Structures are given as C-alpha cells and as structure tokens.
Amino acid sequence: MKHPNRGFTLIELMTAILVLAILLGMGVPSYREMARSNRVTSSANDLVTTLSMARSESLRRSVPVSVCASTDGEACVTAKATTPTDWTTGWIAFTDANSNGTIDTGDAQLQTWGAPAGDTKLRGSGSFITYTTTGILSGTRSFDVYFNGCTGNKARHVDVTLIGLLTTTSNTACP
C-alpha cells in the first residue's frame, strides 16, 4: 500500500522562498520611501500648525508673536532675518514685545518643537518670523522640508505671505 505524498518538495520550498525574497526586495525600498515622505509631510504640518498658532496668539493677546529656529529649545538661532537658516534642530514660538526675533526678559515661550524625526531637513528663508498685533507679518517667509539625499520632486514647500496666509506645496524640487 502506497502512502500519499504529504508536504512540499525541496524544489517547491526553494521556489516559494525565492518568490518571497523577490517581493521583499521590491517592497522594502517602496516602504522606506513612503516612510520618508510621511516624515516630511508630518514636519511640514508641524511647522504650519506652529505658524497658525503664532498668528492666532498674536491676534488674541494683541502682542507680536515670533517663531524662531532653535538648537536647544531655550534660545533662538542668532542670524540675520534674511539669511537662509537651518530649522532642522527645532523651533520656538514666543511673545516678542519688541519684535526682534529673540527671547528677551518679559517674553513668554508659547510652544517648543524639537527636531523633526529621522533624516528630515527643514530650511527657512530666515532665522525667525514675526506676526504683528494684527496678525500681519513683518516680511514674507518660505520654508523647504525634505529628507537627506532628496532627489527629484519629493520636497514640500511652505510659503507665508505678508497677511499671514500659509500655502503648502507638495512634490516640489529638492533643494
């Protein structure tokens, strides 16, 4: 009496492993790219949220409110307002009575954001942005959010107009 064959042959198992390896080889790079894209989107959204909150607080409190690049969460990066600045280390929103873009005695810290996750980079057109008591900016600003080694059109661009309008553009050219 013959027993029916059960299980898989070695050839069938090797073929299944090969197919699985090919599928993983194709899927992992796509997953990595998707994760990077999500981190860029999240960082751009965090920045937009902070800028919206700063404008709202300047109107609510009737005092100028600034958002500045920060390396330690306590003090602003000291650079000219018109010099492109690396915001990758984080930023701070604070009341800014004299609108100078630095935290002085009497200014209140409203919110602190740390560095974006992963290899996300954030570059601004200046080291700080100030909303006046009427919610209008002292000058336009723009920000580029991208990941390290970005190529093609995988960055996000955030523009802030003089009246405080925020515009986010996805799939822009990497810097």
N, C-alpha and C. Protein backbone atom coordinates (compact mmCIF):
# COMPACT_ATOMS: atom_id res chain seq x y z
N MET A 1 0.82 -1.16 0.00
CA MET A 1 0.00 0.00 0.00
C MET A 1 0.88 1.25 0.00
N LYS A 2 0.61 2.12 -0.92
CA LYS A 2 1.39 3.36 -1.03
C LYS A 2 0.76 4.45 -0.18
N HIS A 3 1.62 5.21 0.46
CA HIS A 3 1.14 6.37 1.24
C HIS A 3 1.11 7.58 0.32
N PRO A 4 0.06 8.39 0.40
CA PRO A 4 0.04 9.59 -0.43
C PRO A 4 1.13 10.57 0.05
N ASN A 5 1.72 11.26 -0.91
CA ASN A 5 2.76 12.24 -0.58
C ASN A 5 2.13 13.41 0.16
N ARG A 6 2.78 13.80 1.25
CA ARG A 6 2.33 14.95 2.00
C ARG A 6 3.48 15.95 2.10
N GLY A 7 3.11 17.23 2.19
CA GLY A 7 4.13 18.26 2.33
C GLY A 7 4.60 18.77 0.99
N PHE A 8 5.73 19.46 1.06
CA PHE A 8 6.29 20.09 -0.13
C PHE A 8 7.64 19.48 -0.42
N THR A 9 8.01 19.52 -1.67
CA THR A 9 9.34 19.06 -2.03
C THR A 9 10.33 20.19 -1.78
N LEU A 10 11.58 19.87 -1.79
CA LEU A 10 12.63 20.87 -1.59
C LEU A 10 12.58 21.91 -2.70
N ILE A 11 12.33 21.52 -3.91
CA ILE A 11 12.24 22.45 -5.04
C ILE A 11 11.09 23.43 -4.83
N GLU A 12 9.95 22.94 -4.39
CA GLU A 12 8.81 23.82 -4.16
C GLU A 12 9.10 24.82 -3.04
N LEU A 13 9.73 24.39 -1.97
CA LEU A 13 10.10 25.30 -0.88
C LEU A 13 11.09 26.35 -1.34
N MET A 14 12.09 25.96 -2.10
CA MET A 14 13.10 26.90 -2.61
C MET A 14 12.45 27.92 -3.54
N THR A 15 11.50 27.48 -4.36
CA THR A 15 10.80 28.39 -5.26
C THR A 15 9.97 29.40 -4.46
N ALA A 16 9.28 28.94 -3.44
CA ALA A 16 8.47 29.84 -2.61
C ALA A 16 9.36 30.87 -1.90
N ILE A 17 10.51 30.45 -1.40
CA ILE A 17 11.44 31.38 -0.73
C ILE A 17 11.99 32.39 -1.72
N LEU A 18 12.28 31.96 -2.94
CA LEU A 18 12.78 32.87 -3.98
C LEU A 18 11.74 33.92 -4.32
N VAL A 19 10.49 33.51 -4.49
CA VAL A 19 9.41 34.46 -4.79
C VAL A 19 9.25 35.45 -3.64
N LEU A 20 9.30 34.97 -2.40
CA LEU A 20 9.18 35.85 -1.24
C LEU A 20 10.34 36.85 -1.19
N ALA A 21 11.55 36.40 -1.48
CA ALA A 21 12.71 37.29 -1.48
C ALA A 21 12.57 38.38 -2.54
N ILE A 22 12.07 38.02 -3.71
CA ILE A 22 11.88 39.00 -4.78
C ILE A 22 10.83 40.04 -4.37
N LEU A 23 9.73 39.58 -3.79
CA LEU A 23 8.69 40.51 -3.36
C LEU A 23 9.19 41.45 -2.26
N LEU A 24 9.94 40.92 -1.30
CA LEU A 24 10.51 41.77 -0.25
C LEU A 24 11.52 42.76 -0.83
N GLY A 25 12.31 42.30 -1.78
CA GLY A 25 13.30 43.18 -2.42
C GLY A 25 12.65 44.34 -3.14
N MET A 26 11.47 44.12 -3.67
CA MET A 26 10.75 45.20 -4.35
C MET A 26 9.98 46.06 -3.36
N GLY A 27 9.50 45.51 -2.27
CA GLY A 27 8.66 46.23 -1.33
C GLY A 27 9.39 47.09 -0.33
N VAL A 28 10.55 46.67 0.13
CA VAL A 28 11.27 47.41 1.17
C VAL A 28 11.67 48.82 0.72
N PRO A 29 12.25 49.00 -0.48
CA PRO A 29 12.57 50.37 -0.90
C PRO A 29 11.32 51.26 -1.00
N SER A 30 10.21 50.70 -1.46
CA SER A 30 8.98 51.49 -1.55
C SER A 30 8.50 51.89 -0.16
N TYR A 31 8.61 51.00 0.80
CA TYR A 31 8.21 51.29 2.17
C TYR A 31 9.11 52.39 2.76
N ARG A 32 10.40 52.30 2.51
CA ARG A 32 11.34 53.30 3.03
C ARG A 32 11.01 54.68 2.46
N GLU A 33 10.71 54.73 1.16
CA GLU A 33 10.36 55.99 0.51
C GLU A 33 9.06 56.55 1.08
N MET A 34 8.08 55.68 1.32
CA MET A 34 6.82 56.10 1.88
C MET A 34 7.01 56.65 3.31
N ALA A 35 7.84 56.00 4.10
CA ALA A 35 8.11 56.45 5.47
C ALA A 35 8.79 57.82 5.45
N ARG A 36 9.75 58.02 4.55
CA ARG A 36 10.41 59.32 4.44
C ARG A 36 9.41 60.40 4.03
N SER A 37 8.58 60.09 3.08
CA SER A 37 7.56 61.04 2.61
C SER A 37 6.62 61.41 3.74
N ASN A 38 6.23 60.45 4.55
CA ASN A 38 5.33 60.72 5.69
C ASN A 38 6.01 61.59 6.73
N ARG A 39 7.31 61.38 6.97
CA ARG A 39 8.04 62.23 7.93
C ARG A 39 8.13 63.66 7.42
N VAL A 40 8.37 63.85 6.13
CA VAL A 40 8.43 65.20 5.55
C VAL A 40 7.07 65.88 5.69
N THR A 41 6.01 65.17 5.37
CA THR A 41 4.66 65.72 5.49
C THR A 41 4.35 66.09 6.94
N SER A 42 4.71 65.22 7.87
CA SER A 42 4.47 65.47 9.29
C SER A 42 5.22 66.72 9.76
N SER A 43 6.47 66.87 9.37
CA SER A 43 7.26 68.03 9.78
C SER A 43 6.69 69.31 9.18
N ALA A 44 6.27 69.27 7.92
CA ALA A 44 5.66 70.45 7.30
C ALA A 44 4.37 70.81 8.03
N ASN A 45 3.59 69.81 8.39
CA ASN A 45 2.34 70.06 9.13
C ASN A 45 2.61 70.64 10.52
N ASP A 46 3.66 70.15 11.19
CA ASP A 46 4.03 70.70 12.50
C ASP A 46 4.39 72.19 12.37
N LEU A 47 5.15 72.53 11.34
CA LEU A 47 5.54 73.92 11.13
C LEU A 47 4.31 74.78 10.83
N VAL A 48 3.43 74.32 9.97
CA VAL A 48 2.21 75.07 9.64
C VAL A 48 1.35 75.25 10.89
N THR A 49 1.24 74.22 11.71
CA THR A 49 0.48 74.31 12.96
C THR A 49 1.07 75.37 13.88
N THR A 50 2.39 75.38 14.01
CA THR A 50 3.06 76.37 14.86
C THR A 50 2.82 77.78 14.33
N LEU A 51 2.96 77.97 13.02
CA LEU A 51 2.78 79.31 12.45
C LEU A 51 1.33 79.78 12.59
N SER A 52 0.38 78.87 12.41
CA SER A 52 -1.03 79.23 12.59
C SER A 52 -1.32 79.61 14.05
N MET A 53 -0.75 78.84 14.98
CA MET A 53 -0.93 79.13 16.40
C MET A 53 -0.30 80.48 16.74
N ALA A 54 0.88 80.77 16.19
CA ALA A 54 1.55 82.04 16.49
C ALA A 54 0.72 83.22 15.99
N ARG A 55 0.17 83.10 14.81
CA ARG A 55 -0.69 84.17 14.27
C ARG A 55 -1.92 84.35 15.15
N SER A 56 -2.53 83.25 15.52
CA SER A 56 -3.72 83.29 16.36
C SER A 56 -3.41 83.94 17.71
N GLU A 57 -2.28 83.58 18.31
CA GLU A 57 -1.89 84.15 19.61
C GLU A 57 -1.57 85.63 19.50
N SER A 58 -0.98 86.06 18.39
CA SER A 58 -0.69 87.49 18.24
C SER A 58 -1.98 88.29 18.18
N LEU A 59 -3.00 87.74 17.54
CA LEU A 59 -4.30 88.42 17.49
C LEU A 59 -5.01 88.37 18.84
N ARG A 60 -4.96 87.21 19.48
CA ARG A 60 -5.65 87.03 20.76
C ARG A 60 -5.04 87.87 21.88
N ARG A 61 -3.72 87.91 21.92
CA ARG A 61 -3.03 88.63 23.00
C ARG A 61 -2.74 90.09 22.68
N SER A 62 -2.88 90.47 21.41
CA SER A 62 -2.54 91.82 20.94
C SER A 62 -1.09 92.18 21.24
N VAL A 63 -0.21 91.21 21.06
CA VAL A 63 1.23 91.43 21.17
C VAL A 63 1.89 90.71 19.99
N PRO A 64 3.04 91.20 19.54
CA PRO A 64 3.74 90.47 18.49
C PRO A 64 4.16 89.08 18.98
N VAL A 65 4.06 88.10 18.09
CA VAL A 65 4.48 86.74 18.41
C VAL A 65 5.46 86.30 17.32
N SER A 66 6.59 85.74 17.75
CA SER A 66 7.61 85.28 16.82
C SER A 66 7.79 83.77 16.91
N VAL A 67 8.26 83.20 15.83
CA VAL A 67 8.68 81.80 15.79
C VAL A 67 10.10 81.84 15.26
N CYS A 68 11.03 81.20 15.98
CA CYS A 68 12.42 81.24 15.56
C CYS A 68 13.03 79.83 15.56
N ALA A 69 14.07 79.67 14.76
CA ALA A 69 14.84 78.44 14.76
C ALA A 69 15.60 78.36 16.07
N SER A 70 15.71 77.16 16.63
CA SER A 70 16.38 76.99 17.91
C SER A 70 17.15 75.68 17.92
N THR A 71 18.31 75.70 18.54
CA THR A 71 19.10 74.47 18.66
C THR A 71 18.89 73.77 19.99
N ASP A 72 18.39 74.53 21.00
CA ASP A 72 18.27 73.95 22.34
C ASP A 72 16.88 74.06 22.96
N GLY A 73 15.92 74.65 22.26
CA GLY A 73 14.58 74.81 22.80
C GLY A 73 14.45 75.92 23.81
N GLU A 74 15.52 76.67 24.03
CA GLU A 74 15.53 77.75 25.01
C GLU A 74 15.81 79.11 24.37
N ALA A 75 16.68 79.14 23.38
CA ALA A 75 17.09 80.40 22.76
C ALA A 75 17.01 80.28 21.24
N CYS A 76 16.90 81.43 20.59
CA CYS A 76 16.80 81.46 19.13
C CYS A 76 18.19 81.42 18.50
N VAL A 77 18.24 80.90 17.28
CA VAL A 77 19.47 80.94 16.49
C VAL A 77 19.70 82.40 16.13
N THR A 78 20.90 82.89 16.35
CA THR A 78 21.19 84.28 16.02
C THR A 78 21.76 84.36 14.62
N ALA A 79 20.94 84.80 13.71
CA ALA A 79 21.33 85.03 12.32
C ALA A 79 20.47 86.16 11.80
N LYS A 80 20.89 86.76 10.70
CA LYS A 80 20.09 87.83 10.11
C LYS A 80 18.75 87.27 9.67
N ALA A 81 17.74 88.08 9.75
CA ALA A 81 16.39 87.65 9.40
C ALA A 81 16.29 87.23 7.94
N THR A 82 17.17 87.72 7.09
CA THR A 82 17.09 87.43 5.65
C THR A 82 18.04 86.31 5.23
N THR A 83 18.80 85.76 6.15
CA THR A 83 19.75 84.69 5.83
C THR A 83 19.05 83.34 5.89
N PRO A 84 19.19 82.50 4.84
CA PRO A 84 18.59 81.16 4.93
C PRO A 84 19.12 80.42 6.16
N THR A 85 18.23 79.79 6.89
CA THR A 85 18.59 79.19 8.16
C THR A 85 18.12 77.75 8.23
N ASP A 86 18.92 76.92 8.88
CA ASP A 86 18.57 75.53 9.12
C ASP A 86 17.66 75.46 10.34
N TRP A 87 16.42 75.02 10.15
CA TRP A 87 15.45 74.87 11.23
C TRP A 87 15.34 73.42 11.66
N THR A 88 16.24 72.56 11.21
CA THR A 88 16.18 71.13 11.46
C THR A 88 16.29 70.78 12.94
N THR A 89 16.91 71.62 13.74
CA THR A 89 17.10 71.32 15.15
C THR A 89 15.89 71.68 16.00
N GLY A 90 14.90 72.34 15.41
CA GLY A 90 13.68 72.69 16.13
C GLY A 90 13.38 74.16 16.07
N TRP A 91 12.25 74.56 16.72
CA TRP A 91 11.85 75.95 16.72
C TRP A 91 11.01 76.25 17.95
N ILE A 92 10.88 77.57 18.22
CA ILE A 92 10.18 78.04 19.40
C ILE A 92 9.18 79.12 18.98
N ALA A 93 7.99 79.12 19.55
CA ALA A 93 7.02 80.21 19.39
C ALA A 93 6.97 80.96 20.72
N PHE A 94 6.99 82.30 20.67
CA PHE A 94 7.04 83.10 21.89
C PHE A 94 6.48 84.49 21.64
N THR A 95 5.99 85.13 22.71
CA THR A 95 5.60 86.54 22.59
C THR A 95 6.88 87.34 22.44
N ASP A 96 6.83 88.37 21.61
CA ASP A 96 8.04 89.12 21.28
C ASP A 96 7.72 90.61 21.30
N ALA A 97 7.70 91.18 22.50
CA ALA A 97 7.25 92.56 22.70
C ALA A 97 7.95 93.56 21.79
N ASN A 98 9.27 93.39 21.56
CA ASN A 98 9.99 94.35 20.73
C ASN A 98 10.22 93.85 19.29
N SER A 99 9.62 92.74 18.93
CA SER A 99 9.66 92.18 17.55
C SER A 99 11.08 92.01 17.01
N ASN A 100 12.02 91.62 17.88
CA ASN A 100 13.40 91.47 17.41
C ASN A 100 13.77 90.02 17.09
N GLY A 101 12.85 89.09 17.28
CA GLY A 101 13.10 87.69 16.94
C GLY A 101 13.95 86.93 17.94
N THR A 102 14.16 87.50 19.13
CA THR A 102 14.88 86.80 20.19
C THR A 102 14.06 86.85 21.47
N ILE A 103 14.25 85.85 22.31
CA ILE A 103 13.52 85.80 23.58
C ILE A 103 14.23 86.70 24.58
N ASP A 104 13.53 87.76 24.98
CA ASP A 104 14.07 88.73 25.93
C ASP A 104 13.33 88.60 27.25
N THR A 105 13.78 89.32 28.26
CA THR A 105 13.10 89.35 29.54
C THR A 105 11.69 89.86 29.33
N GLY A 106 10.72 89.15 29.87
CA GLY A 106 9.32 89.53 29.73
C GLY A 106 8.60 88.81 28.60
N ASP A 107 9.34 88.21 27.67
CA ASP A 107 8.72 87.43 26.60
C ASP A 107 8.34 86.05 27.14
N ALA A 108 7.20 85.54 26.72
CA ALA A 108 6.73 84.24 27.20
C ALA A 108 6.83 83.20 26.10
N GLN A 109 7.45 82.07 26.43
CA GLN A 109 7.51 80.96 25.49
C GLN A 109 6.13 80.33 25.40
N LEU A 110 5.63 80.18 24.17
CA LEU A 110 4.30 79.61 23.97
C LEU A 110 4.36 78.13 23.63
N GLN A 111 5.34 77.76 22.82
CA GLN A 111 5.44 76.37 22.38
C GLN A 111 6.86 76.10 21.88
N THR A 112 7.32 74.88 22.10
CA THR A 112 8.64 74.46 21.64
C THR A 112 8.49 73.20 20.83
N TRP A 113 9.13 73.15 19.68
CA TRP A 113 9.14 71.95 18.84
C TRP A 113 10.57 71.46 18.71
N GLY A 114 10.77 70.19 18.90
CA GLY A 114 12.10 69.60 18.75
C GLY A 114 12.42 69.29 17.30
N ALA A 115 13.52 68.63 17.11
CA ALA A 115 13.98 68.28 15.77
C ALA A 115 12.99 67.32 15.10
N PRO A 116 12.78 67.49 13.80
CA PRO A 116 11.93 66.53 13.08
C PRO A 116 12.51 65.12 13.14
N ALA A 117 11.66 64.14 12.97
CA ALA A 117 12.07 62.73 13.06
C ALA A 117 12.92 62.31 11.87
N GLY A 118 13.77 61.33 12.12
CA GLY A 118 14.56 60.71 11.05
C GLY A 118 15.54 61.68 10.41
N ASP A 119 15.67 61.55 9.09
CA ASP A 119 16.63 62.37 8.36
C ASP A 119 15.96 63.56 7.68
N THR A 120 14.86 64.05 8.26
CA THR A 120 14.12 65.18 7.70
C THR A 120 14.89 66.47 7.91
N LYS A 121 14.95 67.29 6.87
CA LYS A 121 15.63 68.58 6.91
C LYS A 121 14.59 69.68 6.73
N LEU A 122 14.80 70.82 7.39
CA LEU A 122 13.90 71.95 7.28
C LEU A 122 14.75 73.21 7.15
N ARG A 123 14.57 73.94 6.05
CA ARG A 123 15.34 75.16 5.81
C ARG A 123 14.38 76.32 5.60
N GLY A 124 14.62 77.41 6.33
CA GLY A 124 13.77 78.59 6.23
C GLY A 124 14.50 79.73 5.56
N SER A 125 13.74 80.70 5.05
CA SER A 125 14.34 81.86 4.38
C SER A 125 14.87 82.88 5.38
N GLY A 126 14.77 82.61 6.64
CA GLY A 126 15.30 83.48 7.68
C GLY A 126 15.32 82.74 9.00
N SER A 127 15.89 83.36 10.03
CA SER A 127 16.01 82.69 11.31
C SER A 127 14.78 82.86 12.20
N PHE A 128 13.89 83.81 11.85
CA PHE A 128 12.67 83.98 12.62
C PHE A 128 11.58 84.59 11.76
N ILE A 129 10.36 84.48 12.26
CA ILE A 129 9.19 85.06 11.61
C ILE A 129 8.36 85.70 12.70
N THR A 130 7.91 86.95 12.47
CA THR A 130 7.17 87.69 13.50
C THR A 130 5.81 88.12 12.97
N TYR A 131 4.77 87.80 13.75
CA TYR A 131 3.42 88.29 13.46
C TYR A 131 3.17 89.52 14.32
N THR A 132 2.65 90.57 13.71
CA THR A 132 2.34 91.79 14.46
C THR A 132 1.05 91.59 15.25
N THR A 133 0.65 92.61 15.98
CA THR A 133 -0.57 92.52 16.79
C THR A 133 -1.83 92.34 15.94
N THR A 134 -1.73 92.64 14.66
CA THR A 134 -2.87 92.47 13.74
C THR A 134 -2.77 91.18 12.95
N GLY A 135 -1.78 90.33 13.24
CA GLY A 135 -1.62 89.06 12.55
C GLY A 135 -0.93 89.14 11.21
N ILE A 136 -0.36 90.31 10.91
CA ILE A 136 0.35 90.51 9.64
C ILE A 136 1.84 90.29 9.90
N LEU A 137 2.54 89.80 8.88
CA LEU A 137 3.98 89.55 9.03
C LEU A 137 4.80 90.80 8.81
N SER A 138 5.98 90.79 9.39
CA SER A 138 6.92 91.87 9.14
C SER A 138 7.66 91.65 7.82
N GLY A 139 7.58 90.48 7.24
CA GLY A 139 8.19 90.15 5.96
C GLY A 139 7.81 88.74 5.56
N THR A 140 7.76 88.46 4.27
CA THR A 140 7.38 87.12 3.81
C THR A 140 8.45 86.11 4.17
N ARG A 141 8.05 84.87 4.29
CA ARG A 141 8.97 83.78 4.60
C ARG A 141 8.57 82.56 3.79
N SER A 142 9.55 81.71 3.59
CA SER A 142 9.29 80.42 2.95
C SER A 142 10.16 79.35 3.61
N PHE A 143 9.69 78.13 3.52
CA PHE A 143 10.38 77.00 4.14
C PHE A 143 10.38 75.83 3.16
N ASP A 144 11.48 75.09 3.16
CA ASP A 144 11.57 73.85 2.39
C ASP A 144 11.75 72.70 3.37
N VAL A 145 10.94 71.66 3.21
CA VAL A 145 11.02 70.47 4.05
C VAL A 145 11.33 69.30 3.13
N TYR A 146 12.40 68.58 3.44
CA TYR A 146 12.85 67.48 2.58
C TYR A 146 13.65 66.50 3.42
N PHE A 147 14.05 65.39 2.83
CA PHE A 147 14.87 64.43 3.56
C PHE A 147 16.29 64.45 3.01
N ASN A 148 17.22 64.01 3.82
CA ASN A 148 18.62 63.99 3.45
C ASN A 148 18.80 63.11 2.20
N GLY A 149 19.46 63.64 1.19
CA GLY A 149 19.66 62.89 -0.04
C GLY A 149 18.48 62.97 -0.99
N CYS A 150 17.59 63.92 -0.77
CA CYS A 150 16.38 64.08 -1.59
C CYS A 150 16.75 64.39 -3.04
N THR A 151 16.10 63.72 -3.97
CA THR A 151 16.29 63.98 -5.40
C THR A 151 14.92 64.04 -6.06
N GLY A 152 14.84 64.78 -7.15
CA GLY A 152 13.57 64.88 -7.87
C GLY A 152 12.60 65.83 -7.20
N ASN A 153 11.33 65.53 -7.30
CA ASN A 153 10.26 66.37 -6.74
C ASN A 153 9.63 65.69 -5.53
N LYS A 154 10.39 65.61 -4.45
CA LYS A 154 9.91 64.92 -3.25
C LYS A 154 9.90 65.82 -2.02
N ALA A 155 10.09 67.11 -2.20
CA ALA A 155 10.12 68.05 -1.08
C ALA A 155 8.76 68.72 -0.91
N ARG A 156 8.59 69.39 0.21
CA ARG A 156 7.41 70.22 0.46
C ARG A 156 7.89 71.65 0.64
N HIS A 157 7.09 72.58 0.18
CA HIS A 157 7.43 74.00 0.28
C HIS A 157 6.29 74.71 0.99
N VAL A 158 6.62 75.52 2.00
CA VAL A 158 5.63 76.28 2.76
C VAL A 158 5.92 77.76 2.55
N ASP A 159 4.93 78.50 2.05
CA ASP A 159 5.04 79.95 1.87
C ASP A 159 4.14 80.64 2.88
N VAL A 160 4.63 81.76 3.43
CA VAL A 160 3.85 82.58 4.34
C VAL A 160 3.82 83.98 3.75
N THR A 161 2.63 84.46 3.38
CA THR A 161 2.50 85.78 2.77
C THR A 161 2.48 86.87 3.84
N LEU A 162 2.53 88.12 3.41
CA LEU A 162 2.53 89.24 4.34
C LEU A 162 1.28 89.27 5.22
N ILE A 163 0.15 88.81 4.70
CA ILE A 163 -1.08 88.82 5.51
C ILE A 163 -1.21 87.58 6.38
N GLY A 164 -0.20 86.70 6.34
CA GLY A 164 -0.19 85.53 7.20
C GLY A 164 -0.78 84.29 6.58
N LEU A 165 -1.13 84.34 5.30
CA LEU A 165 -1.70 83.19 4.61
C LEU A 165 -0.62 82.13 4.41
N LEU A 166 -0.93 80.89 4.80
CA LEU A 166 0.00 79.78 4.67
C LEU A 166 -0.37 78.92 3.47
N THR A 167 0.60 78.63 2.62
CA THR A 167 0.38 77.77 1.46
C THR A 167 1.43 76.68 1.47
N THR A 168 0.98 75.43 1.41
CA THR A 168 1.89 74.29 1.37
C THR A 168 1.80 73.65 0.00
N THR A 169 2.96 73.43 -0.61
CA THR A 169 3.02 72.80 -1.92
C THR A 169 3.80 71.50 -1.79
N SER A 170 3.21 70.40 -2.23
CA SER A 170 3.92 69.12 -2.19
C SER A 170 4.54 68.83 -3.55
N ASN A 171 5.41 67.85 -3.57
CA ASN A 171 6.08 67.42 -4.79
C ASN A 171 6.83 68.56 -5.47
N THR A 172 7.56 69.34 -4.68
CA THR A 172 8.40 70.38 -5.25
C THR A 172 9.83 69.87 -5.37
N ALA A 173 10.63 70.57 -6.14
CA ALA A 173 12.00 70.16 -6.39
C ALA A 173 12.82 70.17 -5.11
N CYS A 174 13.62 69.15 -4.93
CA CYS A 174 14.50 69.08 -3.76
C CYS A 174 15.58 70.16 -3.87
N PRO A 175 15.93 70.78 -2.75
CA PRO A 175 16.99 71.81 -2.80
C PRO A 175 18.35 71.22 -3.06
